[in-house]
Amino acid sequence: MFDENERLAIQEANWLIAEFGAEAPLYAAMRAEKAIEQKDFARCARWKRILEILDESPAAKSAGSKY
């Protein structure tokens, strides 16, 4: 069973795939970088987890093949 943070990260990753397709990891990486610049390391950790989910997701990989 997932905790609330994990559930939200999965939900955000799915939204990114739906919204940006193959560019979803790029968008998440830019958000993580912005969090680092603002020294918001908790938010950076969240975006890093979203990137991991996107990397593991077959939906993100198949979104790239649609274009």
PDB file of N, CA and C in Angstrom:
ATOM      1  N   MET A   1       0.840  -1.178   0.000  1.00  0.00           N
ATOM      2  CA  MET A   1       0.000   0.000   0.000  1.00  0.00           C
ATOM      3  C   MET A   1       0.887   1.243   0.000  1.00  0.00           C
ATOM      4  N   PHE A   2       0.468   2.253  -0.731  1.00  0.00           N
ATOM      5  CA  PHE A   2       1.257   3.467  -0.867  1.00  0.00           C
ATOM      6  C   PHE A   2       0.881   4.483   0.207  1.00  0.00           C
ATOM      7  N   ASP A   3       1.895   5.247   0.647  1.00  0.00           N
ATOM      8  CA  ASP A   3       1.569   6.353   1.537  1.00  0.00           C
ATOM      9  C   ASP A   3       1.094   7.535   0.687  1.00  0.00           C
ATOM     10  N   GLU A   4       0.662   8.595   1.330  1.00  0.00           N
ATOM     11  CA  GLU A   4       0.082   9.737   0.620  1.00  0.00           C
ATOM     12  C   GLU A   4       1.082  10.380  -0.339  1.00  0.00           C
ATOM     13  N   ASN A   5       2.344  10.521   0.076  1.00  0.00           N
ATOM     14  CA  ASN A   5       3.356  11.138  -0.789  1.00  0.00           C
ATOM     15  C   ASN A   5       3.601  10.319  -2.052  1.00  0.00           C
ATOM     16  N   GLU A   6       3.656   9.015  -1.901  1.00  0.00           N
ATOM     17  CA  GLU A   6       3.873   8.143  -3.059  1.00  0.00           C
ATOM     18  C   GLU A   6       2.677   8.202  -4.010  1.00  0.00           C
ATOM     19  N   ARG A   7       1.476   8.207  -3.451  1.00  0.00           N
ATOM     20  CA  ARG A   7       0.276   8.286  -4.260  1.00  0.00           C
ATOM     21  C   ARG A   7       0.236   9.590  -5.059  1.00  0.00           C
ATOM     22  N   LEU A   8       0.597  10.691  -4.415  1.00  0.00           N
ATOM     23  CA  LEU A   8       0.619  11.979  -5.103  1.00  0.00           C
ATOM     24  C   LEU A   8       1.696  12.016  -6.185  1.00  0.00           C
ATOM     25  N   ALA A   9       2.843  11.406  -5.931  1.00  0.00           N
ATOM     26  CA  ALA A   9       3.912  11.364  -6.932  1.00  0.00           C
ATOM     27  C   ALA A   9       3.467  10.562  -8.157  1.00  0.00           C
ATOM     28  N   ILE A  10       2.808   9.449  -7.937  1.00  0.00           N
ATOM     29  CA  ILE A  10       2.300   8.634  -9.042  1.00  0.00           C
ATOM     30  C   ILE A  10       1.244   9.404  -9.828  1.00  0.00           C
ATOM     31  N   GLN A  11       0.367  10.074  -9.115  1.00  0.00           N
ATOM     32  CA  GLN A  11      -0.675  10.868  -9.766  1.00  0.00           C
ATOM     33  C   GLN A  11      -0.053  11.975 -10.613  1.00  0.00           C
ATOM     34  N   GLU A  12       0.953  12.661 -10.072  1.00  0.00           N
ATOM     35  CA  GLU A  12       1.630  13.734 -10.811  1.00  0.00           C
ATOM     36  C   GLU A  12       2.346  13.175 -12.045  1.00  0.00           C
ATOM     37  N   ALA A  13       2.997  12.022 -11.900  1.00  0.00           N
ATOM     38  CA  ALA A  13       3.687  11.405 -13.032  1.00  0.00           C
ATOM     39  C   ALA A  13       2.689  11.053 -14.137  1.00  0.00           C
ATOM     40  N   ASN A  14       1.552  10.503 -13.761  1.00  0.00           N
ATOM     41  CA  ASN A  14       0.531  10.163 -14.761  1.00  0.00           C
ATOM     42  C   ASN A  14       0.006  11.405 -15.459  1.00  0.00           C
ATOM     43  N   TRP A  15      -0.189  12.486 -14.711  1.00  0.00           N
ATOM     44  CA  TRP A  15      -0.642  13.734 -15.317  1.00  0.00           C
ATOM     45  C   TRP A  15       0.406  14.266 -16.297  1.00  0.00           C
ATOM     46  N   LEU A  16       1.680  14.207 -15.906  1.00  0.00           N
ATOM     47  CA  LEU A  16       2.750  14.685 -16.785  1.00  0.00           C
ATOM     48  C   LEU A  16       2.780  13.899 -18.091  1.00  0.00           C
ATOM     49  N   ILE A  17       2.595  12.593 -18.007  1.00  0.00           N
ATOM     50  CA  ILE A  17       2.574  11.756 -19.214  1.00  0.00           C
ATOM     51  C   ILE A  17       1.402  12.162 -20.104  1.00  0.00           C
ATOM     52  N   ALA A  18       0.241  12.365 -19.483  1.00  0.00           N
ATOM     53  CA  ALA A  18      -0.932  12.754 -20.268  1.00  0.00           C
ATOM     54  C   ALA A  18      -0.752  14.129 -20.898  1.00  0.00           C
ATOM     55  N   GLU A  19      -0.131  15.038 -20.171  1.00  0.00           N
ATOM     56  CA  GLU A  19      -0.007  16.416 -20.635  1.00  0.00           C
ATOM     57  C   GLU A  19       1.154  16.619 -21.606  1.00  0.00           C
ATOM     58  N   PHE A  20       2.315  16.010 -21.312  1.00  0.00           N
ATOM     59  CA  PHE A  20       3.534  16.286 -22.064  1.00  0.00           C
ATOM     60  C   PHE A  20       4.075  15.096 -22.854  1.00  0.00           C
ATOM     61  N   GLY A  21       3.506  13.929 -22.668  1.00  0.00           N
ATOM     62  CA  GLY A  21       3.950  12.747 -23.404  1.00  0.00           C
ATOM     63  C   GLY A  21       5.415  12.437 -23.153  1.00  0.00           C
ATOM     64  N   ALA A  22       6.168  12.304 -24.214  1.00  0.00           N
ATOM     65  CA  ALA A  22       7.582  11.922 -24.116  1.00  0.00           C
ATOM     66  C   ALA A  22       8.433  12.993 -23.442  1.00  0.00           C
ATOM     67  N   GLU A  23       7.944  14.213 -23.357  1.00  0.00           N
ATOM     68  CA  GLU A  23       8.698  15.292 -22.727  1.00  0.00           C
ATOM     69  C   GLU A  23       8.434  15.402 -21.229  1.00  0.00           C
ATOM     70  N   ALA A  24       7.642  14.512 -20.670  1.00  0.00           N
ATOM     71  CA  ALA A  24       7.322  14.542 -19.242  1.00  0.00           C
ATOM     72  C   ALA A  24       8.577  14.491 -18.360  1.00  0.00           C
ATOM     73  N   PRO A  25       9.561  13.615 -18.641  1.00  0.00           N
ATOM     74  CA  PRO A  25      10.769  13.609 -17.803  1.00  0.00           C
ATOM     75  C   PRO A  25      11.544  14.929 -17.868  1.00  0.00           C
ATOM     76  N   LEU A  26      11.569  15.547 -19.018  1.00  0.00           N
ATOM     77  CA  LEU A  26      12.250  16.832 -19.145  1.00  0.00           C
ATOM     78  C   LEU A  26      11.582  17.882 -18.256  1.00  0.00           C
ATOM     79  N   TYR A  27      10.271  17.929 -18.288  1.00  0.00           N
ATOM     80  CA  TYR A  27       9.530  18.879 -17.468  1.00  0.00           C
ATOM     81  C   TYR A  27       9.801  18.624 -15.983  1.00  0.00           C
ATOM     82  N   ALA A  28       9.764  17.361 -15.571  1.00  0.00           N
ATOM     83  CA  ALA A  28      10.016  17.025 -14.169  1.00  0.00           C
ATOM     84  C   ALA A  28      11.443  17.395 -13.760  1.00  0.00           C
ATOM     85  N   ALA A  29      12.400  17.177 -14.646  1.00  0.00           N
ATOM     86  CA  ALA A  29      13.791  17.533 -14.340  1.00  0.00           C
ATOM     87  C   ALA A  29      13.955  19.039 -14.181  1.00  0.00           C
ATOM     88  N   MET A  30      13.259  19.799 -15.010  1.00  0.00           N
ATOM     89  CA  MET A  30      13.330  21.259 -14.886  1.00  0.00           C
ATOM     90  C   MET A  30      12.729  21.710 -13.552  1.00  0.00           C
ATOM     91  N   ARG A  31      11.655  21.076 -13.137  1.00  0.00           N
ATOM     92  CA  ARG A  31      11.046  21.430 -11.851  1.00  0.00           C
ATOM     93  C   ARG A  31      11.971  21.061 -10.688  1.00  0.00           C
ATOM     94  N   ALA A  32      12.654  19.919 -10.791  1.00  0.00           N
ATOM     95  CA  ALA A  32      13.601  19.524  -9.744  1.00  0.00           C
ATOM     96  C   ALA A  32      14.761  20.515  -9.674  1.00  0.00           C
ATOM     97  N   GLU A  33      15.257  20.934 -10.819  1.00  0.00           N
ATOM     98  CA  GLU A  33      16.355  21.899 -10.851  1.00  0.00           C
ATOM     99  C   GLU A  33      15.931  23.227 -10.234  1.00  0.00           C
ATOM    100  N   LYS A  34      14.726  23.657 -10.529  1.00  0.00           N
ATOM    101  CA  LYS A  34      14.223  24.905  -9.955  1.00  0.00           C
ATOM    102  C   LYS A  34      14.120  24.789  -8.430  1.00  0.00           C
ATOM    103  N   ALA A  35      13.695  23.638  -7.942  1.00  0.00           N
ATOM    104  CA  ALA A  35      13.607  23.420  -6.500  1.00  0.00           C
ATOM    105  C   ALA A  35      14.988  23.482  -5.851  1.00  0.00           C
ATOM    106  N   ILE A  36      16.000  22.938  -6.534  1.00  0.00           N
ATOM    107  CA  ILE A  36      17.368  23.002  -6.008  1.00  0.00           C
ATOM    108  C   ILE A  36      17.835  24.453  -5.939  1.00  0.00           C
ATOM    109  N   GLU A  37      17.573  25.215  -6.990  1.00  0.00           N
ATOM    110  CA  GLU A  37      17.964  26.624  -7.010  1.00  0.00           C
ATOM    111  C   GLU A  37      17.332  27.398  -5.859  1.00  0.00           C
ATOM    112  N   GLN A  38      16.116  27.023  -5.494  1.00  0.00           N
ATOM    113  CA  GLN A  38      15.414  27.691  -4.405  1.00  0.00           C
ATOM    114  C   GLN A  38      15.719  27.062  -3.050  1.00  0.00           C
ATOM    115  N   LYS A  39      16.625  26.094  -3.039  1.00  0.00           N
ATOM    116  CA  LYS A  39      17.027  25.368  -1.835  1.00  0.00           C
ATOM    117  C   LYS A  39      15.842  24.705  -1.117  1.00  0.00           C
ATOM    118  N   ASP A  40      14.892  24.243  -1.909  1.00  0.00           N
ATOM    119  CA  ASP A  40      13.738  23.516  -1.399  1.00  0.00           C
ATOM    120  C   ASP A  40      13.973  22.033  -1.677  1.00  0.00           C
ATOM    121  N   PHE A  41      14.720  21.409  -0.771  1.00  0.00           N
ATOM    122  CA  PHE A  41      15.180  20.049  -1.020  1.00  0.00           C
ATOM    123  C   PHE A  41      14.077  19.005  -0.851  1.00  0.00           C
ATOM    124  N   ALA A  42      13.063  19.303  -0.063  1.00  0.00           N
ATOM    125  CA  ALA A  42      11.936  18.376   0.048  1.00  0.00           C
ATOM    126  C   ALA A  42      11.179  18.315  -1.279  1.00  0.00           C
ATOM    127  N   ARG A  43      10.962  19.461  -1.887  1.00  0.00           N
ATOM    128  CA  ARG A  43      10.284  19.496  -3.187  1.00  0.00           C
ATOM    129  C   ARG A  43      11.159  18.849  -4.260  1.00  0.00           C
ATOM    130  N   CYS A  44      12.464  19.055  -4.166  1.00  0.00           N
ATOM    131  CA  CYS A  44      13.385  18.418  -5.114  1.00  0.00           C
ATOM    132  C   CYS A  44      13.302  16.898  -4.998  1.00  0.00           C
ATOM    133  N   ALA A  45      13.237  16.396  -3.776  1.00  0.00           N
ATOM    134  CA  ALA A  45      13.124  14.946  -3.570  1.00  0.00           C
ATOM    135  C   ALA A  45      11.831  14.418  -4.174  1.00  0.00           C
ATOM    136  N   ARG A  46      10.747  15.192  -4.071  1.00  0.00           N
ATOM    137  CA  ARG A  46       9.481  14.781  -4.669  1.00  0.00           C
ATOM    138  C   ARG A  46       9.605  14.693  -6.180  1.00  0.00           C
ATOM    139  N   TRP A  47      10.225  15.693  -6.805  1.00  0.00           N
ATOM    140  CA  TRP A  47      10.378  15.670  -8.261  1.00  0.00           C
ATOM    141  C   TRP A  47      11.330  14.565  -8.692  1.00  0.00           C
ATOM    142  N   LYS A  48      12.340  14.278  -7.872  1.00  0.00           N
ATOM    143  CA  LYS A  48      13.244  13.174  -8.193  1.00  0.00           C
ATOM    144  C   LYS A  48      12.472  11.852  -8.184  1.00  0.00           C
ATOM    145  N   ARG A  49      11.572  11.687  -7.210  1.00  0.00           N
ATOM    146  CA  ARG A  49      10.766  10.467  -7.161  1.00  0.00           C
ATOM    147  C   ARG A  49       9.846  10.385  -8.375  1.00  0.00           C
ATOM    148  N   ILE A  50       9.291  11.522  -8.786  1.00  0.00           N
ATOM    149  CA  ILE A  50       8.447  11.544  -9.984  1.00  0.00           C
ATOM    150  C   ILE A  50       9.265  11.130 -11.201  1.00  0.00           C
ATOM    151  N   LEU A  51      10.500  11.599 -11.289  1.00  0.00           N
ATOM    152  CA  LEU A  51      11.378  11.185 -12.394  1.00  0.00           C
ATOM    153  C   LEU A  51      11.618   9.681 -12.381  1.00  0.00           C
ATOM    154  N   GLU A  52      11.809   9.110 -11.192  1.00  0.00           N
ATOM    155  CA  GLU A  52      12.001   7.662 -11.091  1.00  0.00           C
ATOM    156  C   GLU A  52      10.759   6.918 -11.569  1.00  0.00           C
ATOM    157  N   ILE A  53       9.595   7.413 -11.180  1.00  0.00           N
ATOM    158  CA  ILE A  53       8.346   6.784 -11.607  1.00  0.00           C
ATOM    159  C   ILE A  53       8.209   6.870 -13.123  1.00  0.00           C
ATOM    160  N   LEU A  54       8.532   8.026 -13.682  1.00  0.00           N
ATOM    161  CA  LEU A  54       8.461   8.183 -15.136  1.00  0.00           C
ATOM    162  C   LEU A  54       9.426   7.232 -15.842  1.00  0.00           C
ATOM    163  N   ASP A  55      10.599   7.040 -15.254  1.00  0.00           N
ATOM    164  CA  ASP A  55      11.588   6.144 -15.850  1.00  0.00           C
ATOM    165  C   ASP A  55      11.104   4.693 -15.841  1.00  0.00           C
ATOM    166  N   GLU A  56      10.366   4.328 -14.803  1.00  0.00           N
ATOM    167  CA  GLU A  56       9.858   2.961 -14.676  1.00  0.00           C
ATOM    168  C   GLU A  56       8.570   2.731 -15.469  1.00  0.00           C
ATOM    169  N   SER A  57       7.922   3.805 -15.873  1.00  0.00           N
ATOM    170  CA  SER A  57       6.589   3.719 -16.464  1.00  0.00           C
ATOM    171  C   SER A  57       6.627   3.300 -17.931  1.00  0.00           C
ATOM    172  N   PRO A  58       5.930   2.224 -18.281  1.00  0.00           N
ATOM    173  CA  PRO A  58       5.842   1.866 -19.699  1.00  0.00           C
ATOM    174  C   PRO A  58       5.012   2.884 -20.483  1.00  0.00           C
ATOM    175  N   ALA A  59       4.098   3.585 -19.813  1.00  0.00           N
ATOM    176  CA  ALA A  59       3.275   4.592 -20.499  1.00  0.00           C
ATOM    177  C   ALA A  59       4.134   5.750 -20.994  1.00  0.00           C
ATOM    178  N   ALA A  60       5.136   6.137 -20.207  1.00  0.00           N
ATOM    179  CA  ALA A  60       6.018   7.231 -20.625  1.00  0.00           C
ATOM    180  C   ALA A  60       6.866   6.806 -21.826  1.00  0.00           C
ATOM    181  N   LYS A  61       7.281   5.563 -21.829  1.00  0.00           N
ATOM    182  CA  LYS A  61       8.100   5.079 -22.947  1.00  0.00           C
ATOM    183  C   LYS A  61       7.254   4.941 -24.210  1.00  0.00           C
ATOM    184  N   SER A  62       6.009   4.511 -24.064  1.00  0.00           N
ATOM    185  CA  SER A  62       5.163   4.364 -25.254  1.00  0.00           C
ATOM    186  C   SER A  62       4.665   5.713 -25.754  1.00  0.00           C
ATOM    187  N   ALA A  63       4.621   6.718 -24.885  1.00  0.00           N
ATOM    188  CA  ALA A  63       4.196   8.059 -25.322  1.00  0.00           C
ATOM    189  C   ALA A  63       5.182   8.627 -26.328  1.00  0.00           C
ATOM    190  N   GLY A  64       6.439   8.280 -26.182  1.00  0.00           N
ATOM    191  CA  GLY A  64       7.446   8.763 -27.112  1.00  0.00           C
ATOM    192  C   GLY A  64       7.303   8.140 -28.488  1.00  0.00           C
ATOM    193  N   SER A  65       6.777   6.941 -28.543  1.00  0.00           N
ATOM    194  CA  SER A  65       6.654   6.282 -29.843  1.00  0.00           C
ATOM    195  C   SER A  65       5.456   6.782 -30.649  1.00  0.00           C
ATOM    196  N   LYS A  66       4.554   7.542 -30.010  1.00  0.00           N
ATOM    197  CA  LYS A  66       3.394   8.054 -30.724  1.00  0.00           C
ATOM    198  C   LYS A  66       3.768   9.195 -31.676  1.00  0.00           C
ATOM    199  N   TYR A  67       4.917   9.829 -31.443  1.00  0.00           N
ATOM    200  CA  TYR A  67       5.265  11.007 -32.233  1.00  0.00           C
ATOM    201  C   TYR A  67       6.280  10.682 -33.274  1.00  0.00           C
TER     202      TYR A  67
END
